[in-house]
Amino acid sequence: MKLTGTRRGVDQGLVDRVRQVAGLKGYVAAYHELFQGERSFRVAKTDLRARPMFHHQNDSIQAHLTIVFTALAVARHLQDVTGISIRKLVRALRPLRDITIRIAGNEIIATTQPGPEAGTILGTITR
């Protein structure tokens, strides 16, 4: 409001400016959300190595998208918990493998021992 003597009026210039700034902030917020979505696809493509699959059936397409977005959600959660980038997490944890071999009723379990960086990450996750 603008006071002029005893008369009150609305400063239309100020109202227009506030609307413009509010609209701009809405645009910036929307653009930031779009940027985060694009960033997620880049992470899935590069760090998680999610590659295009040429599925033709709806169930196959849905399954593929579910796996990719699940991997992205798990990676983002691990990034939040550990404070380590997704790329570093993948590099440190990728070599870890477990295998179970059954021969003639005997079962052998072989595991890869985590290195120092992977051990630290696993310790942080399990706390």
C-alpha atoms as a PDB file:
ATOM      1  CA  MET A   1       0.000   0.000   0.000  1.00  0.00           C
ATOM      2  CA  LYS A   2       0.995   3.513  -0.600  1.00  0.00           C
ATOM      3  CA  LEU A   3      -0.102   6.317   1.698  1.00  0.00           C
ATOM      4  CA  THR A   4      -0.650   9.695   0.108  1.00  0.00           C
ATOM      5  CA  GLY A   5      -1.770  12.178   2.715  1.00  0.00           C
ATOM      6  CA  THR A   6      -4.932  10.726   4.181  1.00  0.00           C
ATOM      7  CA  ARG A   7      -5.779   8.838   1.021  1.00  0.00           C
ATOM      8  CA  ARG A   8      -4.805   5.168   0.683  1.00  0.00           C
ATOM      9  CA  GLY A   9      -4.173   3.511  -2.633  1.00  0.00           C
ATOM     10  CA  VAL A  10      -2.566   0.448  -4.122  1.00  0.00           C
ATOM     11  CA  ASP A  11       0.829   0.902  -5.743  1.00  0.00           C
ATOM     12  CA  GLN A  12       0.069  -1.023  -8.930  1.00  0.00           C
ATOM     13  CA  GLY A  13       3.709  -0.835 -10.052  1.00  0.00           C
ATOM     14  CA  LEU A  14       4.795  -2.609  -6.888  1.00  0.00           C
ATOM     15  CA  VAL A  15       2.049  -5.232  -7.262  1.00  0.00           C
ATOM     16  CA  ASP A  16       3.103  -5.898 -10.874  1.00  0.00           C
ATOM     17  CA  ARG A  17       6.744  -6.192  -9.822  1.00  0.00           C
ATOM     18  CA  VAL A  18       5.915  -8.664  -7.036  1.00  0.00           C
ATOM     19  CA  ARG A  19       3.844 -10.756  -9.438  1.00  0.00           C
ATOM     20  CA  GLN A  20       6.704 -10.747 -11.920  1.00  0.00           C
ATOM     21  CA  VAL A  21       9.239 -11.839  -9.297  1.00  0.00           C
ATOM     22  CA  ALA A  22       6.857 -14.509  -7.946  1.00  0.00           C
ATOM     23  CA  GLY A  23       6.319 -15.813 -11.474  1.00  0.00           C
ATOM     24  CA  LEU A  24      10.046 -15.838 -12.067  1.00  0.00           C
ATOM     25  CA  LYS A  25      10.628 -17.787  -8.854  1.00  0.00           C
ATOM     26  CA  GLY A  26       7.981 -20.283  -9.943  1.00  0.00           C
ATOM     27  CA  TYR A  27       9.782 -20.628 -13.267  1.00  0.00           C
ATOM     28  CA  VAL A  28      13.143 -21.056 -11.551  1.00  0.00           C
ATOM     29  CA  ALA A  29      11.709 -23.735  -9.228  1.00  0.00           C
ATOM     30  CA  ALA A  30      10.169 -25.576 -12.181  1.00  0.00           C
ATOM     31  CA  TYR A  31      13.438 -25.344 -14.118  1.00  0.00           C
ATOM     32  CA  HIS A  32      15.366 -26.648 -11.101  1.00  0.00           C
ATOM     33  CA  GLU A  33      13.039 -29.656 -10.895  1.00  0.00           C
ATOM     34  CA  LEU A  34      13.520 -30.270 -14.618  1.00  0.00           C
ATOM     35  CA  PHE A  35      17.295 -30.032 -14.152  1.00  0.00           C
ATOM     36  CA  GLN A  36      17.166 -32.593 -11.318  1.00  0.00           C
ATOM     37  CA  GLY A  37      15.171 -34.970 -13.512  1.00  0.00           C
ATOM     38  CA  GLU A  38      17.662 -34.618 -16.361  1.00  0.00           C
ATOM     39  CA  ARG A  39      20.521 -35.081 -13.913  1.00  0.00           C
ATOM     40  CA  SER A  40      18.935 -38.331 -12.705  1.00  0.00           C
ATOM     41  CA  PHE A  41      18.807 -39.647 -16.268  1.00  0.00           C
ATOM     42  CA  ARG A  42      22.478 -38.705 -16.800  1.00  0.00           C
ATOM     43  CA  VAL A  43      23.431 -40.530 -13.580  1.00  0.00           C
ATOM     44  CA  ALA A  44      21.431 -43.592 -14.614  1.00  0.00           C
ATOM     45  CA  LYS A  45      23.060 -43.566 -18.042  1.00  0.00           C
ATOM     46  CA  THR A  46      26.673 -42.934 -17.022  1.00  0.00           C
ATOM     47  CA  ASP A  47      27.277 -44.064 -13.450  1.00  0.00           C
ATOM     48  CA  LEU A  48      24.744 -46.897 -13.303  1.00  0.00           C
ATOM     49  CA  ARG A  49      25.338 -47.870 -16.952  1.00  0.00           C
ATOM     50  CA  ALA A  50      21.626 -48.112 -17.745  1.00  0.00           C
ATOM     51  CA  ARG A  51      21.489 -48.466 -21.497  1.00  0.00           C
ATOM     52  CA  PRO A  52      18.557 -48.287 -23.863  1.00  0.00           C
ATOM     53  CA  MET A  53      16.717 -51.544 -24.311  1.00  0.00           C
ATOM     54  CA  PHE A  54      14.560 -52.090 -27.335  1.00  0.00           C
ATOM     55  CA  HIS A  55      11.492 -53.669 -25.819  1.00  0.00           C
ATOM     56  CA  HIS A  56       8.276 -53.971 -27.762  1.00  0.00           C
ATOM     57  CA  GLN A  57       5.907 -55.298 -25.122  1.00  0.00           C
ATOM     58  CA  ASN A  58       4.486 -53.056 -22.430  1.00  0.00           C
ATOM     59  CA  ASP A  59       5.419 -55.462 -19.604  1.00  0.00           C
ATOM     60  CA  SER A  60       9.060 -55.537 -20.727  1.00  0.00           C
ATOM     61  CA  ILE A  61       9.195 -51.740 -20.963  1.00  0.00           C
ATOM     62  CA  GLN A  62       7.661 -51.341 -17.503  1.00  0.00           C
ATOM     63  CA  ALA A  63      10.038 -53.919 -16.002  1.00  0.00           C
ATOM     64  CA  HIS A  64      13.072 -52.190 -17.518  1.00  0.00           C
ATOM     65  CA  LEU A  65      12.006 -48.761 -16.241  1.00  0.00           C
ATOM     66  CA  THR A  66      11.284 -50.207 -12.803  1.00  0.00           C
ATOM     67  CA  ILE A  67      14.770 -51.715 -12.569  1.00  0.00           C
ATOM     68  CA  VAL A  68      16.493 -48.517 -13.733  1.00  0.00           C
ATOM     69  CA  PHE A  69      14.544 -46.262 -11.375  1.00  0.00           C
ATOM     70  CA  THR A  70      14.995 -48.690  -8.481  1.00  0.00           C
ATOM     71  CA  ALA A  71      18.753 -48.659  -9.057  1.00  0.00           C
ATOM     72  CA  LEU A  72      18.673 -44.860  -9.172  1.00  0.00           C
ATOM     73  CA  ALA A  73      16.637 -44.657  -5.939  1.00  0.00           C
ATOM     74  CA  VAL A  74      19.004 -47.034  -4.134  1.00  0.00           C
ATOM     75  CA  ALA A  75      22.033 -45.133  -5.438  1.00  0.00           C
ATOM     76  CA  ARG A  76      20.575 -41.786  -4.325  1.00  0.00           C
ATOM     77  CA  HIS A  77      19.788 -43.228  -0.887  1.00  0.00           C
ATOM     78  CA  LEU A  78      23.343 -44.557  -0.533  1.00  0.00           C
ATOM     79  CA  GLN A  79      24.693 -41.182  -1.632  1.00  0.00           C
ATOM     80  CA  ASP A  80      22.597 -39.427   1.024  1.00  0.00           C
ATOM     81  CA  VAL A  81      23.586 -41.886   3.771  1.00  0.00           C
ATOM     82  CA  THR A  82      27.316 -42.000   3.010  1.00  0.00           C
ATOM     83  CA  GLY A  83      27.929 -38.534   1.576  1.00  0.00           C
ATOM     84  CA  ILE A  84      29.878 -40.157  -1.278  1.00  0.00           C
ATOM     85  CA  SER A  85      29.027 -39.523  -4.924  1.00  0.00           C
ATOM     86  CA  ILE A  86      27.203 -42.223  -6.860  1.00  0.00           C
ATOM     87  CA  ARG A  87      30.148 -42.596  -9.224  1.00  0.00           C
ATOM     88  CA  LYS A  88      32.547 -43.315  -6.333  1.00  0.00           C
ATOM     89  CA  LEU A  89      30.062 -45.693  -4.717  1.00  0.00           C
ATOM     90  CA  VAL A  90      29.721 -47.697  -7.914  1.00  0.00           C
ATOM     91  CA  ARG A  91      33.498 -47.827  -8.437  1.00  0.00           C
ATOM     92  CA  ALA A  92      34.111 -49.001  -4.876  1.00  0.00           C
ATOM     93  CA  LEU A  93      31.288 -51.548  -4.650  1.00  0.00           C
ATOM     94  CA  ARG A  94      31.260 -52.970  -8.194  1.00  0.00           C
ATOM     95  CA  PRO A  95      34.071 -55.505  -7.594  1.00  0.00           C
ATOM     96  CA  LEU A  96      32.195 -57.112  -4.700  1.00  0.00           C
ATOM     97  CA  ARG A  97      30.713 -60.457  -5.740  1.00  0.00           C
ATOM     98  CA  ASP A  98      29.333 -63.478  -3.940  1.00  0.00           C
ATOM     99  CA  ILE A  99      28.903 -66.845  -5.547  1.00  0.00           C
ATOM    100  CA  THR A 100      27.429 -70.090  -4.266  1.00  0.00           C
ATOM    101  CA  ILE A 101      28.600 -73.311  -5.910  1.00  0.00           C
ATOM    102  CA  ARG A 102      26.844 -76.652  -5.310  1.00  0.00           C
ATOM    103  CA  ILE A 103      28.688 -79.772  -6.369  1.00  0.00           C
ATOM    104  CA  ALA A 104      27.420 -83.225  -5.447  1.00  0.00           C
ATOM    105  CA  GLY A 105      25.463 -81.897  -2.478  1.00  0.00           C
ATOM    106  CA  ASN A 106      28.361 -79.818  -1.179  1.00  0.00           C
ATOM    107  CA  GLU A 107      27.945 -76.068  -1.066  1.00  0.00           C
ATOM    108  CA  ILE A 108      30.847 -73.642  -1.380  1.00  0.00           C
ATOM    109  CA  ILE A 109      30.328 -69.921  -0.886  1.00  0.00           C
ATOM    110  CA  ALA A 110      32.985 -67.612  -2.300  1.00  0.00           C
ATOM    111  CA  THR A 111      32.947 -63.919  -1.428  1.00  0.00           C
ATOM    112  CA  THR A 112      35.105 -61.014  -2.469  1.00  0.00           C
ATOM    113  CA  GLN A 113      36.632 -59.252   0.491  1.00  0.00           C
ATOM    114  CA  PRO A 114      35.903 -55.519   0.386  1.00  0.00           C
ATOM    115  CA  GLY A 115      38.822 -53.147   0.014  1.00  0.00           C
ATOM    116  CA  PRO A 116      39.369 -50.285   2.457  1.00  0.00           C
ATOM    117  CA  GLU A 117      37.051 -47.847   0.645  1.00  0.00           C
ATOM    118  CA  ALA A 118      34.286 -50.429   0.149  1.00  0.00           C
ATOM    119  CA  GLY A 119      34.654 -51.529   3.779  1.00  0.00           C
ATOM    120  CA  THR A 120      34.180 -47.961   4.976  1.00  0.00           C
ATOM    121  CA  ILE A 121      31.092 -47.551   2.784  1.00  0.00           C
ATOM    122  CA  LEU A 122      29.591 -50.839   3.966  1.00  0.00           C
ATOM    123  CA  GLY A 123      30.309 -49.900   7.581  1.00  0.00           C
ATOM    124  CA  THR A 124      28.498 -46.586   7.129  1.00  0.00           C
ATOM    125  CA  ILE A 125      25.502 -48.243   5.497  1.00  0.00           C
ATOM    126  CA  THR A 126      25.052 -50.932   8.150  1.00  0.00           C
ATOM    127  CA  ARG A 127      25.115 -48.522  11.109  1.00  0.00           C
END
